[in-house]
């Protein structure tokens, strides 16, 4: 199971920058001042990018910790928590 967690960590670590690149490429491709559809509006793209970039960064952080094997043992109840 730890191998699966580390493998998924690598996938999440690579997926974060890919999502950011796809969002920026989609914005560059679809923003058109003479367009009449909602997808051509730059305000919509700024909102979408502003929402999904922090999510992608969180995905990369989660993947980094999974790659470092920080999730090899998860506490089963509150008695197993270590706050030191």
C-alpha atoms as a PDB file:
ATOM      1  CA  UNK A   1       0.000   0.000   0.000  1.00  0.00           C
ATOM      2  CA  UNK A   2       2.900   2.378   0.706  1.00  0.00           C
ATOM      3  CA  UNK A   3       4.158   1.810  -2.845  1.00  0.00           C
ATOM      4  CA  UNK A   4       0.766   2.856  -4.204  1.00  0.00           C
ATOM      5  CA  UNK A   5       0.819   5.994  -2.017  1.00  0.00           C
ATOM      6  CA  UNK A   6       4.297   6.925  -3.267  1.00  0.00           C
ATOM      7  CA  UNK A   7       3.339   6.232  -6.884  1.00  0.00           C
ATOM      8  CA  UNK A   8       0.230   8.381  -6.595  1.00  0.00           C
ATOM      9  CA  UNK A   9       2.375  11.036  -4.917  1.00  0.00           C
ATOM     10  CA  UNK A  10       4.571  11.141  -7.999  1.00  0.00           C
ATOM     11  CA  UNK A  11       1.505  11.384 -10.227  1.00  0.00           C
ATOM     12  CA  UNK A  12       0.056  14.238  -8.141  1.00  0.00           C
ATOM     13  CA  UNK A  13       3.418  15.980  -8.074  1.00  0.00           C
ATOM     14  CA  UNK A  14       3.540  15.936 -11.875  1.00  0.00           C
ATOM     15  CA  UNK A  15      -0.161  16.650 -12.336  1.00  0.00           C
ATOM     16  CA  UNK A  16      -0.065  20.011 -10.512  1.00  0.00           C
ATOM     17  CA  UNK A  17       2.229  21.862 -12.961  1.00  0.00           C
ATOM     18  CA  UNK A  18       0.496  20.167 -15.902  1.00  0.00           C
ATOM     19  CA  UNK A  19      -2.883  21.533 -14.786  1.00  0.00           C
ATOM     20  CA  UNK A  20      -1.428  25.036 -14.417  1.00  0.00           C
ATOM     21  CA  UNK A  21       0.130  24.832 -17.895  1.00  0.00           C
ATOM     22  CA  UNK A  22      -3.123  23.585 -19.456  1.00  0.00           C
ATOM     23  CA  UNK A  23      -5.094  26.398 -17.800  1.00  0.00           C
ATOM     24  CA  UNK A  24      -2.711  29.081 -19.021  1.00  0.00           C
ATOM     25  CA  UNK A  25      -2.561  27.552 -22.522  1.00  0.00           C
ATOM     26  CA  UNK A  26      -6.378  27.398 -22.631  1.00  0.00           C
ATOM     27  CA  UNK A  27      -6.609  31.020 -21.556  1.00  0.00           C
ATOM     28  CA  UNK A  28      -4.123  32.163 -24.195  1.00  0.00           C
ATOM     29  CA  UNK A  29      -5.940  30.170 -26.864  1.00  0.00           C
ATOM     30  CA  UNK A  30      -9.481  31.243 -25.969  1.00  0.00           C
ATOM     31  CA  UNK A  31      -9.180  34.889 -24.917  1.00  0.00           C
ATOM     32  CA  UNK A  32     -10.322  36.993 -27.851  1.00  0.00           C
ATOM     33  CA  UNK A  33     -11.386  40.633 -27.496  1.00  0.00           C
ATOM     34  CA  UNK A  34     -13.643  40.411 -30.532  1.00  0.00           C
ATOM     35  CA  UNK A  35     -15.302  37.186 -29.362  1.00  0.00           C
ATOM     36  CA  UNK A  36     -18.873  37.188 -28.106  1.00  0.00           C
ATOM     37  CA  UNK A  37     -18.932  33.965 -26.083  1.00  0.00           C
ATOM     38  CA  UNK A  38     -18.249  33.762 -22.336  1.00  0.00           C
ATOM     39  CA  UNK A  39     -15.092  31.714 -22.909  1.00  0.00           C
ATOM     40  CA  UNK A  40     -13.551  34.666 -24.791  1.00  0.00           C
ATOM     41  CA  UNK A  41     -13.837  36.935 -21.755  1.00  0.00           C
ATOM     42  CA  UNK A  42     -10.510  37.353 -19.901  1.00  0.00           C
ATOM     43  CA  UNK A  43     -12.261  37.956 -16.558  1.00  0.00           C
ATOM     44  CA  UNK A  44     -13.633  34.408 -16.589  1.00  0.00           C
ATOM     45  CA  UNK A  45     -10.141  33.004 -17.197  1.00  0.00           C
ATOM     46  CA  UNK A  46      -8.620  35.075 -14.397  1.00  0.00           C
ATOM     47  CA  UNK A  47     -11.253  33.725 -12.007  1.00  0.00           C
ATOM     48  CA  UNK A  48     -10.721  30.125 -13.146  1.00  0.00           C
ATOM     49  CA  UNK A  49      -6.942  30.370 -12.894  1.00  0.00           C
ATOM     50  CA  UNK A  50      -7.133  32.121  -9.506  1.00  0.00           C
ATOM     51  CA  UNK A  51      -9.262  29.283  -8.138  1.00  0.00           C
ATOM     52  CA  UNK A  52      -7.416  26.316  -9.597  1.00  0.00           C
ATOM     53  CA  UNK A  53      -3.766  27.372  -9.166  1.00  0.00           C
ATOM     54  CA  UNK A  54      -3.888  27.113  -5.338  1.00  0.00           C
ATOM     55  CA  UNK A  55      -5.648  23.758  -5.692  1.00  0.00           C
ATOM     56  CA  UNK A  56      -2.860  22.561  -8.014  1.00  0.00           C
ATOM     57  CA  UNK A  57      -0.219  23.822  -5.583  1.00  0.00           C
ATOM     58  CA  UNK A  58      -1.924  21.930  -2.763  1.00  0.00           C
ATOM     59  CA  UNK A  59      -1.939  18.845  -4.968  1.00  0.00           C
ATOM     60  CA  UNK A  60       1.808  19.216  -5.490  1.00  0.00           C
ATOM     61  CA  UNK A  61       2.401  19.625  -1.747  1.00  0.00           C
ATOM     62  CA  UNK A  62       0.311  16.530  -1.048  1.00  0.00           C
ATOM     63  CA  UNK A  63       2.280  14.618  -3.689  1.00  0.00           C
ATOM     64  CA  UNK A  64       5.581  15.794  -2.197  1.00  0.00           C
ATOM     65  CA  UNK A  65       4.645  14.470   1.236  1.00  0.00           C
ATOM     66  CA  UNK A  66       3.441  11.217  -0.293  1.00  0.00           C
ATOM     67  CA  UNK A  67       6.763  10.871  -2.134  1.00  0.00           C
ATOM     68  CA  UNK A  68       8.646  11.462   1.132  1.00  0.00           C
ATOM     69  CA  UNK A  69       6.583   8.595   2.618  1.00  0.00           C
ATOM     70  CA  UNK A  70       5.045  10.813   5.306  1.00  0.00           C
ATOM     71  CA  UNK A  71       1.795   8.847   5.059  1.00  0.00           C
ATOM     72  CA  UNK A  72       3.288   5.426   5.753  1.00  0.00           C
ATOM     73  CA  UNK A  73       1.468   5.174   9.085  1.00  0.00           C
ATOM     74  CA  UNK A  74      -1.743   7.033   9.762  1.00  0.00           C
ATOM     75  CA  UNK A  75      -3.200   7.225  13.285  1.00  0.00           C
ATOM     76  CA  UNK A  76      -6.150   4.961  13.921  1.00  0.00           C
ATOM     77  CA  UNK A  77      -7.678   7.098  16.677  1.00  0.00           C
ATOM     78  CA  UNK A  78      -6.897  10.230  18.682  1.00  0.00           C
ATOM     79  CA  UNK A  79      -4.808   8.308  21.226  1.00  0.00           C
ATOM     80  CA  UNK A  80      -2.209   7.602  18.517  1.00  0.00           C
ATOM     81  CA  UNK A  81      -1.669  11.262  17.623  1.00  0.00           C
ATOM     82  CA  UNK A  82       1.775  12.620  18.337  1.00  0.00           C
ATOM     83  CA  UNK A  83       1.851  16.370  18.919  1.00  0.00           C
ATOM     84  CA  UNK A  84       5.576  16.689  19.641  1.00  0.00           C
END
